[in-house]
Amino acid sequence: MTTKIVTKRYSVNIDKQIADTAELVIRKIGLKPNDVISMMLTQIADKGKLPVAFSVDDYDHLKDEIIAASRKIPAQKVETSKEIADFFAD
């Protein structure tokens, strides 16, 4: 007889910048956000306390913050030679 595992779906709202930066760190470790959430909830259930988080070195964390911050910089699409020249003339 096989036991069927019943799963539960979570839906959460998280600040996009925080989520994007956290996802960069999670992917560097080689995991997916779903893996981390599942691991965290398992540890909370098993130990009755919040788990210690994985971490990356300061260089990687700072680099990830720069990448996340760069997403806030306004972008301008340039396609033609004139648009490119005008862009660099500013």
N, C-alpha and C. Protein backbone atom coordinates (compact mmCIF):
# COMPACT_ATOMS: atom_id res chain seq x y z
N MET A 1 0.84 -1.18 0.00
CA MET A 1 0.00 0.00 0.00
C MET A 1 0.89 1.24 0.00
N THR A 2 0.62 2.14 -0.92
CA THR A 2 1.39 3.39 -0.99
C THR A 2 0.62 4.49 -0.29
N THR A 3 1.38 5.38 0.36
CA THR A 3 0.79 6.51 1.05
C THR A 3 0.85 7.72 0.14
N LYS A 4 -0.27 8.36 -0.04
CA LYS A 4 -0.31 9.56 -0.87
C LYS A 4 -0.02 10.77 0.01
N ILE A 5 0.92 11.60 -0.42
CA ILE A 5 1.27 12.81 0.30
C ILE A 5 0.30 13.91 -0.11
N VAL A 6 -0.32 14.51 0.86
CA VAL A 6 -1.23 15.63 0.60
C VAL A 6 -0.42 16.91 0.73
N THR A 7 -0.48 17.78 -0.26
CA THR A 7 0.28 19.02 -0.23
C THR A 7 -0.63 20.21 0.02
N LYS A 8 -0.02 21.29 0.41
CA LYS A 8 -0.75 22.54 0.65
C LYS A 8 -0.06 23.63 -0.14
N ARG A 9 -0.82 24.47 -0.79
CA ARG A 9 -0.28 25.58 -1.59
C ARG A 9 -0.33 26.86 -0.75
N TYR A 10 0.79 27.60 -0.78
CA TYR A 10 0.86 28.90 -0.13
C TYR A 10 0.88 29.98 -1.19
N SER A 11 0.22 31.08 -0.91
CA SER A 11 0.28 32.24 -1.78
C SER A 11 0.62 33.43 -0.88
N VAL A 12 1.75 34.08 -1.18
CA VAL A 12 2.19 35.20 -0.35
C VAL A 12 2.51 36.39 -1.23
N ASN A 13 2.37 37.57 -0.66
CA ASN A 13 2.76 38.81 -1.33
C ASN A 13 4.03 39.31 -0.67
N ILE A 14 5.06 39.50 -1.47
CA ILE A 14 6.36 39.94 -0.98
C ILE A 14 6.82 41.10 -1.85
N ASP A 15 7.44 42.09 -1.24
CA ASP A 15 8.01 43.21 -1.97
C ASP A 15 8.87 42.66 -3.12
N LYS A 16 8.64 43.13 -4.34
CA LYS A 16 9.32 42.58 -5.52
C LYS A 16 10.83 42.70 -5.43
N GLN A 17 11.33 43.83 -4.96
CA GLN A 17 12.78 44.00 -4.88
C GLN A 17 13.39 43.00 -3.89
N ILE A 18 12.73 42.80 -2.75
CA ILE A 18 13.22 41.82 -1.77
C ILE A 18 13.18 40.42 -2.37
N ALA A 19 12.07 40.09 -3.01
CA ALA A 19 11.93 38.76 -3.61
C ALA A 19 12.97 38.52 -4.71
N ASP A 20 13.19 39.52 -5.56
CA ASP A 20 14.18 39.37 -6.64
C ASP A 20 15.59 39.18 -6.09
N THR A 21 15.95 39.98 -5.09
CA THR A 21 17.28 39.86 -4.50
C THR A 21 17.44 38.51 -3.80
N ALA A 22 16.42 38.10 -3.04
CA ALA A 22 16.47 36.81 -2.36
C ALA A 22 16.58 35.67 -3.37
N GLU A 23 15.87 35.77 -4.47
CA GLU A 23 15.91 34.71 -5.48
C GLU A 23 17.30 34.58 -6.10
N LEU A 24 18.00 35.70 -6.28
CA LEU A 24 19.38 35.63 -6.78
C LEU A 24 20.25 34.82 -5.84
N VAL A 25 20.10 35.06 -4.54
CA VAL A 25 20.89 34.34 -3.54
C VAL A 25 20.50 32.86 -3.53
N ILE A 26 19.22 32.58 -3.53
CA ILE A 26 18.72 31.20 -3.51
C ILE A 26 19.24 30.43 -4.71
N ARG A 27 19.21 31.04 -5.89
CA ARG A 27 19.68 30.35 -7.10
C ARG A 27 21.19 30.12 -7.07
N LYS A 28 21.95 31.06 -6.44
CA LYS A 28 23.40 30.87 -6.29
C LYS A 28 23.71 29.63 -5.46
N ILE A 29 22.87 29.37 -4.47
CA ILE A 29 23.04 28.19 -3.62
C ILE A 29 22.66 26.93 -4.39
N GLY A 30 21.90 27.08 -5.47
CA GLY A 30 21.50 25.94 -6.30
C GLY A 30 20.10 25.44 -6.00
N LEU A 31 19.29 26.29 -5.38
CA LEU A 31 17.93 25.90 -5.04
C LEU A 31 16.92 26.78 -5.75
N LYS A 32 15.65 26.44 -5.56
CA LYS A 32 14.55 27.26 -6.06
C LYS A 32 13.80 27.80 -4.85
N PRO A 33 13.09 28.92 -5.00
CA PRO A 33 12.35 29.47 -3.87
C PRO A 33 11.43 28.44 -3.19
N ASN A 34 10.78 27.61 -3.98
CA ASN A 34 9.90 26.59 -3.42
C ASN A 34 10.68 25.62 -2.51
N ASP A 35 11.91 25.27 -2.90
CA ASP A 35 12.75 24.38 -2.08
C ASP A 35 13.03 25.01 -0.72
N VAL A 36 13.39 26.29 -0.74
CA VAL A 36 13.75 26.99 0.50
C VAL A 36 12.54 27.09 1.43
N ILE A 37 11.38 27.43 0.87
CA ILE A 37 10.18 27.54 1.69
C ILE A 37 9.83 26.18 2.30
N SER A 38 9.91 25.13 1.51
CA SER A 38 9.63 23.78 2.01
C SER A 38 10.62 23.38 3.10
N MET A 39 11.93 23.66 2.89
CA MET A 39 12.94 23.34 3.89
C MET A 39 12.68 24.12 5.18
N MET A 40 12.34 25.40 5.04
CA MET A 40 12.11 26.24 6.21
C MET A 40 10.92 25.73 7.02
N LEU A 41 9.82 25.43 6.36
CA LEU A 41 8.65 24.94 7.07
C LEU A 41 8.91 23.59 7.72
N THR A 42 9.67 22.72 7.05
CA THR A 42 10.02 21.42 7.63
C THR A 42 10.83 21.59 8.90
N GLN A 43 11.82 22.49 8.87
CA GLN A 43 12.64 22.73 10.06
C GLN A 43 11.82 23.34 11.19
N ILE A 44 10.94 24.25 10.87
CA ILE A 44 10.09 24.85 11.90
C ILE A 44 9.22 23.77 12.55
N ALA A 45 8.64 22.90 11.72
CA ALA A 45 7.79 21.83 12.25
C ALA A 45 8.60 20.84 13.08
N ASP A 46 9.80 20.47 12.63
CA ASP A 46 10.63 19.48 13.32
C ASP A 46 11.24 20.02 14.61
N LYS A 47 11.70 21.27 14.59
CA LYS A 47 12.47 21.80 15.72
C LYS A 47 11.71 22.80 16.59
N GLY A 48 10.57 23.28 16.10
CA GLY A 48 9.79 24.22 16.88
C GLY A 48 10.41 25.60 16.97
N LYS A 49 11.29 25.93 16.02
CA LYS A 49 11.89 27.27 15.98
C LYS A 49 12.28 27.60 14.55
N LEU A 50 12.55 28.88 14.30
CA LEU A 50 12.95 29.30 12.96
C LEU A 50 14.36 28.81 12.66
N PRO A 51 14.58 28.35 11.43
CA PRO A 51 15.91 27.83 11.06
C PRO A 51 16.92 28.93 10.77
N VAL A 52 18.19 28.56 10.85
CA VAL A 52 19.27 29.47 10.44
C VAL A 52 19.31 29.45 8.93
N ALA A 53 19.45 30.64 8.32
CA ALA A 53 19.43 30.75 6.86
C ALA A 53 20.78 30.41 6.25
N PHE A 54 20.75 29.96 5.00
CA PHE A 54 21.96 29.81 4.20
C PHE A 54 22.47 31.21 3.89
N SER A 55 23.72 31.34 3.53
CA SER A 55 24.21 32.65 3.16
C SER A 55 25.27 32.54 2.09
N VAL A 56 25.49 33.64 1.41
CA VAL A 56 26.59 33.73 0.45
C VAL A 56 27.54 34.79 0.97
N ASP A 57 28.74 34.86 0.41
CA ASP A 57 29.71 35.82 0.93
C ASP A 57 29.28 37.26 0.65
N ASP A 58 29.91 38.20 1.35
CA ASP A 58 29.54 39.62 1.25
C ASP A 58 29.62 40.14 -0.18
N TYR A 59 30.65 39.70 -0.93
CA TYR A 59 30.82 40.16 -2.31
C TYR A 59 29.59 39.80 -3.14
N ASP A 60 29.16 38.54 -3.07
CA ASP A 60 28.00 38.11 -3.84
C ASP A 60 26.74 38.85 -3.40
N HIS A 61 26.60 39.05 -2.10
CA HIS A 61 25.41 39.75 -1.61
C HIS A 61 25.38 41.19 -2.13
N LEU A 62 26.51 41.88 -2.07
CA LEU A 62 26.57 43.25 -2.57
C LEU A 62 26.31 43.31 -4.07
N LYS A 63 26.88 42.35 -4.80
CA LYS A 63 26.66 42.30 -6.25
C LYS A 63 25.17 42.10 -6.55
N ASP A 64 24.52 41.23 -5.79
CA ASP A 64 23.08 41.00 -5.98
C ASP A 64 22.27 42.25 -5.67
N GLU A 65 22.69 43.03 -4.66
CA GLU A 65 21.99 44.27 -4.34
C GLU A 65 22.14 45.28 -5.48
N ILE A 66 23.33 45.32 -6.09
CA ILE A 66 23.55 46.23 -7.22
C ILE A 66 22.67 45.83 -8.40
N ILE A 67 22.59 44.54 -8.67
CA ILE A 67 21.74 44.06 -9.77
C ILE A 67 20.29 44.43 -9.51
N ALA A 68 19.83 44.21 -8.29
CA ALA A 68 18.44 44.54 -7.94
C ALA A 68 18.19 46.04 -8.07
N ALA A 69 19.15 46.85 -7.61
CA ALA A 69 19.00 48.31 -7.70
C ALA A 69 19.00 48.78 -9.15
N SER A 70 19.77 48.10 -10.01
CA SER A 70 19.84 48.51 -11.41
C SER A 70 18.51 48.34 -12.13
N ARG A 71 17.66 47.49 -11.59
CA ARG A 71 16.34 47.29 -12.21
C ARG A 71 15.46 48.52 -12.06
N LYS A 72 15.82 49.42 -11.14
CA LYS A 72 15.05 50.64 -10.92
C LYS A 72 15.47 51.76 -11.86
N ILE A 73 16.59 51.60 -12.55
CA ILE A 73 17.10 52.65 -13.44
C ILE A 73 16.21 52.70 -14.68
N PRO A 74 15.73 53.88 -15.03
CA PRO A 74 14.88 53.99 -16.23
C PRO A 74 15.64 53.52 -17.48
N ALA A 75 14.96 52.84 -18.34
CA ALA A 75 15.57 52.35 -19.58
C ALA A 75 14.97 53.08 -20.77
N GLN A 76 15.79 53.26 -21.77
CA GLN A 76 15.33 53.88 -23.01
C GLN A 76 15.67 52.94 -24.15
N LYS A 77 14.69 52.59 -24.94
CA LYS A 77 14.90 51.69 -26.06
C LYS A 77 15.40 52.51 -27.26
N VAL A 78 16.53 52.10 -27.82
CA VAL A 78 17.07 52.75 -29.01
C VAL A 78 17.24 51.70 -30.09
N GLU A 79 16.79 52.02 -31.30
CA GLU A 79 16.83 51.02 -32.38
C GLU A 79 17.55 51.53 -33.62
N THR A 80 17.36 52.77 -33.96
CA THR A 80 17.95 53.28 -35.20
C THR A 80 19.29 53.95 -34.90
N SER A 81 20.07 54.16 -35.94
CA SER A 81 21.36 54.85 -35.78
C SER A 81 21.16 56.25 -35.22
N LYS A 82 20.13 56.93 -35.67
CA LYS A 82 19.85 58.29 -35.17
C LYS A 82 19.50 58.24 -33.68
N GLU A 83 18.66 57.29 -33.27
CA GLU A 83 18.30 57.17 -31.85
C GLU A 83 19.53 56.87 -31.00
N ILE A 84 20.42 56.03 -31.50
CA ILE A 84 21.65 55.71 -30.78
C ILE A 84 22.53 56.96 -30.64
N ALA A 85 22.68 57.69 -31.74
CA ALA A 85 23.49 58.92 -31.71
C ALA A 85 22.87 59.93 -30.75
N ASP A 86 21.54 60.10 -30.80
CA ASP A 86 20.85 61.03 -29.91
C ASP A 86 21.03 60.61 -28.45
N PHE A 87 20.97 59.32 -28.20
CA PHE A 87 21.12 58.81 -26.84
C PHE A 87 22.49 59.20 -26.27
N PHE A 88 23.54 58.99 -27.05
CA PHE A 88 24.89 59.29 -26.57
C PHE A 88 25.21 60.77 -26.59
N ALA A 89 24.41 61.54 -27.32
CA ALA A 89 24.64 62.99 -27.37
C ALA A 89 24.16 63.67 -26.09
N ASP A 90 23.25 63.03 -25.38
CA ASP A 90 22.72 63.62 -24.13
C ASP A 90 23.74 63.67 -23.09
